[in-house]
Amino acid sequence: MNILSNYERGFIAACIDTDGYITLSKRSGTGCSRIVGVGFANNSILFLNRIQYILGTNKKLINKKGTNNYKFRLSPSESYDLLKQISLIIKEHRRIIAIELYELGRSAFGMNKHSPRLEEHVKKTETLIKKFYSK
């Protein structure tokens, strides 16, 4: 993930607020852990390639069969790095919660499944997930 200039941060933020998305996917085999993702969708391959160039990624563009729509999604760590660099307008609450969930998930590695800290972690994660989807 590239370090973005002020101009690039504004451009990418506008792309996420309009044609982009911040998403949470359930991590397989876990009850409440979530994977944070940032994706971009558009019908212009050139536009999406420009976003990829700015971000310093070369994710494969996915095309939904029978449409002119293309999209790509960043890895969880790339998504986190990007979300830490930008501010959004429309999706700012999701950006903040996604960062918290990523950091919370990282802090849970190595926790004993019978630990009281893990129970607290699960409750906080569930609360953040509800907040993420509430607006």
Protein backbone atom coordinates (compact mmCIF):
# COMPACT_ATOMS: atom_id res chain seq x y z
CA MET A 1 0.00 0.00 0.00
CA ASN A 2 1.42 3.35 -1.03
CA ILE A 3 1.61 6.38 1.24
CA LEU A 4 -0.86 8.76 -0.42
CA SER A 5 -0.43 12.47 -1.10
CA ASN A 6 -3.17 14.85 0.05
CA TYR A 7 -4.57 14.92 -3.51
CA GLU A 8 -4.57 11.11 -3.74
CA ARG A 9 -6.23 10.76 -0.32
CA GLY A 10 -9.02 13.09 -1.41
CA PHE A 11 -9.45 11.27 -4.73
CA ILE A 12 -9.54 7.80 -3.14
CA ALA A 13 -11.87 9.00 -0.36
CA ALA A 14 -14.29 10.35 -2.98
CA CYS A 15 -14.13 7.03 -4.84
CA ILE A 16 -14.97 5.07 -1.68
CA ASP A 17 -17.78 7.45 -0.72
CA THR A 18 -19.35 7.06 -4.18
CA ASP A 19 -18.52 3.81 -6.02
CA GLY A 20 -16.54 2.09 -3.28
CA TYR A 21 -17.48 0.10 -0.24
CA ILE A 22 -16.27 -0.87 3.21
CA THR A 23 -17.35 -4.34 4.16
CA LEU A 24 -17.09 -6.90 6.92
CA SER A 25 -16.86 -10.59 6.13
CA LYS A 26 -17.22 -13.30 8.71
CA ARG A 27 -13.96 -15.09 9.34
CA SER A 28 -14.52 -18.81 8.77
CA GLY A 29 -14.51 -20.96 11.87
CA THR A 30 -15.06 -18.11 14.31
CA GLY A 31 -18.13 -16.80 16.03
CA CYS A 32 -17.72 -13.08 15.89
CA SER A 33 -14.42 -12.25 14.20
CA ARG A 34 -14.70 -10.14 11.06
CA ILE A 35 -12.44 -9.43 8.12
CA VAL A 36 -12.37 -5.78 7.06
CA GLY A 37 -12.37 -5.07 3.34
CA VAL A 38 -12.38 -2.03 1.09
CA GLY A 39 -13.47 -2.41 -2.50
CA PHE A 40 -14.00 -0.35 -5.60
CA ALA A 41 -16.56 -0.92 -8.36
CA ASN A 42 -17.06 0.83 -11.69
CA ASN A 43 -17.81 0.09 -15.32
CA SER A 44 -14.50 1.64 -16.45
CA ILE A 45 -11.49 -0.67 -16.32
CA LEU A 46 -9.21 2.33 -16.92
CA PHE A 47 -10.66 4.13 -13.90
CA LEU A 48 -10.19 1.09 -11.65
CA ASN A 49 -6.66 0.57 -13.00
CA ARG A 50 -5.86 4.18 -12.06
CA ILE A 51 -7.10 3.57 -8.51
CA GLN A 52 -4.94 0.44 -8.34
CA TYR A 53 -1.93 2.42 -9.56
CA ILE A 54 -2.45 5.14 -6.93
CA LEU A 55 -2.82 2.54 -4.17
CA GLY A 56 0.11 0.44 -5.37
CA THR A 57 -1.86 -2.77 -5.76
CA ASN A 58 -2.60 -5.02 -8.71
CA LYS A 59 -5.64 -6.94 -7.51
CA LYS A 60 -7.49 -8.88 -10.17
CA LEU A 61 -10.56 -7.10 -11.54
CA ILE A 62 -13.67 -9.22 -11.17
CA ASN A 63 -16.43 -8.92 -13.76
CA LYS A 64 -19.99 -9.97 -13.01
CA LYS A 65 -21.08 -12.13 -15.93
CA GLY A 66 -23.30 -10.35 -18.41
CA THR A 67 -22.53 -6.85 -17.12
CA ASN A 68 -19.98 -4.11 -17.72
CA ASN A 69 -19.33 -3.78 -13.99
CA TYR A 70 -15.89 -4.52 -12.60
CA LYS A 71 -14.64 -4.52 -9.05
CA PHE A 72 -11.66 -5.34 -6.88
CA ARG A 73 -11.20 -5.66 -3.15
CA LEU A 74 -8.17 -4.96 -1.01
CA SER A 75 -6.82 -7.44 1.52
CA PRO A 76 -7.63 -6.79 5.18
CA SER A 77 -4.18 -5.33 5.89
CA GLU A 78 -4.29 -3.15 2.75
CA SER A 79 -7.79 -2.02 3.71
CA TYR A 80 -6.62 -1.11 7.20
CA ASP A 81 -3.60 0.79 5.87
CA LEU A 82 -5.82 2.73 3.47
CA LEU A 83 -8.53 3.50 6.03
CA LYS A 84 -5.89 4.88 8.41
CA GLN A 85 -4.73 7.35 5.72
CA ILE A 86 -8.06 8.83 4.66
CA SER A 87 -11.17 10.52 5.99
CA LEU A 88 -14.58 10.03 4.44
CA ILE A 89 -17.76 12.05 4.42
CA ILE A 90 -20.64 9.66 3.73
CA LYS A 91 -19.06 6.46 5.08
CA GLU A 92 -16.90 7.93 7.86
CA HIS A 93 -18.69 6.02 10.65
CA ARG A 94 -17.97 2.74 8.83
CA ARG A 95 -14.32 3.72 8.35
CA ILE A 96 -13.86 4.37 12.07
CA ILE A 97 -15.59 1.15 13.12
CA ALA A 98 -13.71 -0.92 10.51
CA ILE A 99 -10.40 0.36 11.92
CA GLU A 100 -11.51 -0.53 15.46
CA LEU A 101 -12.61 -4.01 14.40
CA TYR A 102 -9.34 -4.67 12.58
CA GLU A 103 -7.32 -3.59 15.62
CA LEU A 104 -9.56 -5.55 17.96
CA GLY A 105 -9.14 -8.66 15.82
CA ARG A 106 -5.36 -8.27 15.83
CA SER A 107 -5.34 -7.99 19.63
CA ALA A 108 -7.27 -11.27 19.99
CA PHE A 109 -4.56 -13.46 18.44
CA GLY A 110 -3.23 -15.91 20.99
CA MET A 111 -6.06 -15.46 23.49
CA ASN A 112 -7.06 -18.56 25.35
CA LYS A 113 -10.64 -19.50 24.44
CA HIS A 114 -11.53 -19.71 28.15
CA SER A 115 -10.02 -16.33 28.97
CA PRO A 116 -12.27 -13.63 30.48
CA ARG A 117 -10.51 -11.20 28.12
CA LEU A 118 -11.85 -13.19 25.18
CA GLU A 119 -15.42 -12.87 26.46
CA GLU A 120 -14.94 -9.11 26.74
CA HIS A 121 -13.43 -9.09 23.24
CA VAL A 122 -16.45 -10.94 21.81
CA LYS A 123 -18.91 -8.50 23.41
CA LYS A 124 -17.02 -5.47 22.11
CA THR A 125 -16.82 -7.00 18.63
CA GLU A 126 -20.55 -7.73 18.56
CA THR A 127 -21.31 -4.15 19.65
CA LEU A 128 -19.08 -2.71 16.92
CA ILE A 129 -20.65 -4.95 14.27
CA LYS A 130 -24.13 -3.72 15.23
CA LYS A 131 -22.91 -0.11 15.05
CA PHE A 132 -21.31 -0.74 11.64
CA TYR A 133 -24.63 -1.87 10.15
CA SER A 134 -26.86 0.59 12.05
CA LYS A 135 -26.50 3.69 9.83
